[in-house]
Amino acid sequence: MRLKHRALRAFGLTLWAQCALGLAAAASAAGPAAALIAKPAPDFALPASVGDNVRLSEYRGQPVVLSFWSSRCGLCAAQLTALDRYYGTYRSSGLIVLAVSVEDDPQRAVDYARAHATSFPLLLDQAKSVSRAYGIERLPTTVLIDRSGVVRYLHNDDRAGDPSYVAQIRALLDDEVAAP
């Protein structure tokens, strides 16, 4: 009986250790961008491919969808198209969409922006300082920021057509600005 108890306890400890390692691996797989959730979004100012410079903090009080893209990312075009649809639907409710290019060649990003017109600004992060500040490791990555400037949701995928995006955007639109 005692041997059986030890075997069960050893099995339980092994199972616990495997679960702990699995959770640690899942957390590290989420990457550095996931560490921003529930924290203030890093502020930035970037030039737009067309028009003036854009500063994130100017949109405090409005929910912001921030998408990171590249012309070399095949999934990014579909992502930008879906975000353009959402922007068209929710702009009147205060939604802001900004797309940040992490392109090495700024002219390529400008050409891509001209060929794939959106109704929201496509920003140029030539030095990649913004993508580094957000811990972007894969494209497309989309960050949803609430009215208080806090990162609420993060997507490292191209599933902008997923109903969870709409639910999260609506949740951001329904939120009030947190008191300072």
Protein backbone atom coordinates (compact mmCIF):
# COMPACT_ATOMS: atom_id res chain seq x y z
CA MET A 1 0.00 0.00 0.00
CA ARG A 2 2.84 2.36 0.88
CA LEU A 3 4.54 1.65 -2.45
CA LYS A 4 1.32 2.45 -4.28
CA HIS A 5 1.04 5.75 -2.36
CA ARG A 6 4.63 6.71 -3.29
CA ALA A 7 4.01 5.82 -6.92
CA LEU A 8 0.86 7.98 -6.99
CA ARG A 9 2.69 10.87 -5.32
CA ALA A 10 5.59 10.59 -7.77
CA PHE A 11 3.13 10.50 -10.66
CA GLY A 12 1.37 13.60 -9.25
CA LEU A 13 4.65 15.50 -8.90
CA THR A 14 5.66 14.53 -12.43
CA LEU A 15 2.29 15.66 -13.77
CA TRP A 16 2.54 18.93 -11.83
CA ALA A 17 6.05 19.57 -13.19
CA GLN A 18 4.92 18.89 -16.75
CA CYS A 19 2.01 21.31 -16.35
CA ALA A 20 4.29 23.99 -14.90
CA LEU A 21 6.74 23.57 -17.78
CA GLY A 22 3.88 23.66 -20.26
CA LEU A 23 2.57 26.92 -18.80
CA ALA A 24 6.06 28.44 -18.83
CA ALA A 25 6.54 27.38 -22.45
CA ALA A 26 3.16 28.84 -23.41
CA ALA A 27 4.02 32.13 -21.71
CA SER A 28 7.36 32.37 -23.49
CA ALA A 29 5.79 31.35 -26.81
CA ALA A 30 3.44 34.31 -26.50
CA GLY A 31 6.53 36.47 -26.78
CA PRO A 32 7.47 39.84 -25.39
CA ALA A 33 4.42 41.55 -26.92
CA ALA A 34 2.15 39.59 -24.56
CA ALA A 35 3.95 41.23 -21.63
CA LEU A 36 2.29 44.52 -22.65
CA ILE A 37 -1.23 43.30 -21.89
CA ALA A 38 -2.77 45.38 -19.07
CA LYS A 39 0.09 47.90 -19.31
CA PRO A 40 0.16 51.37 -20.87
CA ALA A 41 0.79 51.22 -24.61
CA PRO A 42 4.20 52.70 -25.51
CA ASP A 43 3.70 56.11 -27.10
CA PHE A 44 5.24 56.91 -30.46
CA ALA A 45 5.21 59.40 -33.32
CA LEU A 46 5.67 58.13 -36.87
CA PRO A 47 5.29 59.58 -40.35
CA ALA A 48 2.32 58.40 -42.37
CA SER A 49 2.85 57.13 -45.91
CA VAL A 50 0.45 59.90 -46.94
CA GLY A 51 -0.20 62.96 -44.77
CA ASP A 52 1.12 64.14 -41.44
CA ASN A 53 2.96 62.45 -38.60
CA VAL A 54 0.81 60.49 -36.18
CA ARG A 55 1.31 60.32 -32.40
CA LEU A 56 -0.48 57.53 -30.52
CA SER A 57 -1.10 59.65 -27.40
CA GLU A 58 -3.21 62.07 -29.48
CA TYR A 59 -5.88 59.35 -29.56
CA ARG A 60 -6.16 58.98 -25.76
CA GLY A 61 -9.86 58.67 -25.00
CA GLN A 62 -10.51 56.58 -28.11
CA PRO A 63 -9.99 52.84 -28.60
CA VAL A 64 -7.10 52.12 -30.97
CA VAL A 65 -6.37 49.09 -33.12
CA LEU A 66 -2.65 49.03 -33.89
CA SER A 67 -1.58 46.59 -36.61
CA PHE A 68 2.01 45.77 -37.57
CA TRP A 69 2.55 44.77 -41.22
CA SER A 70 5.03 44.41 -44.07
CA SER A 71 4.65 44.28 -47.84
CA ARG A 72 6.48 40.94 -47.77
CA CYS A 73 3.85 39.43 -45.47
CA GLY A 74 1.17 37.76 -47.58
CA LEU A 75 -1.23 37.50 -44.63
CA CYS A 76 -0.90 41.20 -43.85
CA ALA A 77 -2.88 42.30 -46.94
CA ALA A 78 -5.93 40.31 -45.78
CA GLN A 79 -5.43 41.66 -42.26
CA LEU A 80 -5.37 45.27 -43.47
CA THR A 81 -8.47 44.69 -45.60
CA ALA A 82 -10.40 43.27 -42.62
CA LEU A 83 -9.28 46.14 -40.39
CA ASP A 84 -10.39 48.61 -43.06
CA ARG A 85 -13.88 47.03 -42.94
CA TYR A 86 -13.97 47.32 -39.15
CA TYR A 87 -12.80 50.91 -39.33
CA GLY A 88 -15.56 51.73 -41.81
CA THR A 89 -18.12 50.17 -39.49
CA TYR A 90 -16.91 51.56 -36.15
CA ARG A 91 -15.21 54.86 -37.05
CA SER A 92 -18.35 56.82 -36.19
CA SER A 93 -18.24 55.24 -32.70
CA GLY A 94 -14.72 56.54 -32.15
CA LEU A 95 -12.55 53.61 -33.27
CA ILE A 96 -9.07 54.50 -34.47
CA VAL A 97 -7.02 52.12 -36.63
CA LEU A 98 -3.32 52.64 -37.24
CA ALA A 99 -1.08 50.30 -39.22
CA VAL A 100 2.67 50.33 -38.67
CA SER A 101 4.98 49.13 -41.44
CA VAL A 102 8.09 47.28 -40.30
CA GLU A 103 9.48 47.36 -43.83
CA ASP A 104 13.26 47.62 -44.30
CA ASP A 105 12.81 49.70 -47.44
CA PRO A 106 10.58 52.76 -46.82
CA GLN A 107 9.93 53.26 -50.53
CA ARG A 108 8.59 49.71 -50.77
CA ALA A 109 6.22 50.47 -47.87
CA VAL A 110 5.05 53.69 -49.55
CA ASP A 111 4.48 51.86 -52.85
CA TYR A 112 2.55 49.13 -51.05
CA ALA A 113 0.46 51.73 -49.21
CA ARG A 114 -0.42 53.42 -52.50
CA ALA A 115 -1.37 50.11 -54.11
CA HIS A 116 -3.43 48.95 -51.09
CA ALA A 117 -5.28 52.08 -50.06
CA THR A 118 -6.94 52.03 -46.66
CA SER A 119 -9.10 54.62 -44.96
CA PHE A 120 -6.77 54.68 -41.95
CA PRO A 121 -3.13 55.83 -41.73
CA LEU A 122 -0.32 53.48 -42.77
CA LEU A 123 2.69 54.53 -40.72
CA LEU A 124 6.38 54.05 -41.49
CA ASP A 125 8.61 52.64 -38.75
CA GLN A 126 11.86 52.64 -40.69
CA ALA A 127 14.04 52.45 -37.56
CA LYS A 128 11.77 49.71 -36.15
CA SER A 129 11.73 51.51 -32.81
CA VAL A 130 7.97 51.10 -32.41
CA SER A 131 7.98 47.43 -33.36
CA ARG A 132 10.78 46.89 -30.82
CA ALA A 133 8.88 48.82 -28.13
CA TYR A 134 5.89 46.52 -28.71
CA GLY A 135 8.02 43.34 -28.87
CA ILE A 136 6.77 42.39 -32.34
CA GLU A 137 8.22 39.06 -33.46
CA ARG A 138 5.80 37.97 -36.17
CA LEU A 139 3.48 39.51 -38.70
CA PRO A 140 0.77 40.40 -38.74
CA THR A 141 0.42 41.38 -35.09
CA THR A 142 -2.52 43.43 -33.89
CA VAL A 143 -2.68 45.27 -30.56
CA LEU A 144 -5.99 46.56 -29.21
CA ILE A 145 -5.65 49.56 -26.89
CA ASP A 146 -8.46 50.84 -24.68
CA ARG A 147 -9.60 54.44 -24.19
CA SER A 148 -7.20 54.87 -21.26
CA GLY A 149 -4.20 53.91 -23.40
CA VAL A 150 -3.81 50.43 -21.91
CA VAL A 151 -3.12 47.36 -24.06
CA ARG A 152 -6.13 45.08 -23.65
CA TYR A 153 -5.80 42.45 -26.39
CA LEU A 154 -3.08 41.08 -28.64
CA HIS A 155 -3.34 38.91 -31.74
CA ASN A 156 -0.33 37.28 -33.40
CA ASP A 157 -2.25 36.00 -36.37
CA ASP A 158 -4.16 36.91 -39.48
CA ARG A 159 -7.62 36.01 -38.20
CA ALA A 160 -9.08 39.53 -38.18
CA GLY A 161 -12.23 37.96 -39.64
CA ASP A 162 -12.66 35.95 -36.44
CA PRO A 163 -15.74 37.04 -34.44
CA SER A 164 -13.53 37.56 -31.36
CA TYR A 165 -12.02 40.65 -33.04
CA VAL A 166 -15.43 42.26 -33.38
CA ALA A 167 -16.35 41.32 -29.80
CA GLN A 168 -13.11 42.82 -28.51
CA ILE A 169 -13.51 46.00 -30.58
CA ARG A 170 -17.06 46.39 -29.28
CA ALA A 171 -15.84 45.86 -25.71
CA LEU A 172 -13.30 48.65 -26.21
CA LEU A 173 -15.95 50.93 -27.67
CA ASP A 174 -18.27 50.24 -24.71
CA ASP A 175 -15.61 51.01 -22.09
CA GLU A 176 -15.30 54.34 -20.37
CA VAL A 177 -12.00 56.14 -19.92
CA ALA A 178 -10.45 55.11 -16.61
CA ALA A 179 -9.95 57.93 -14.11
CA PRO A 180 -6.30 58.96 -13.74
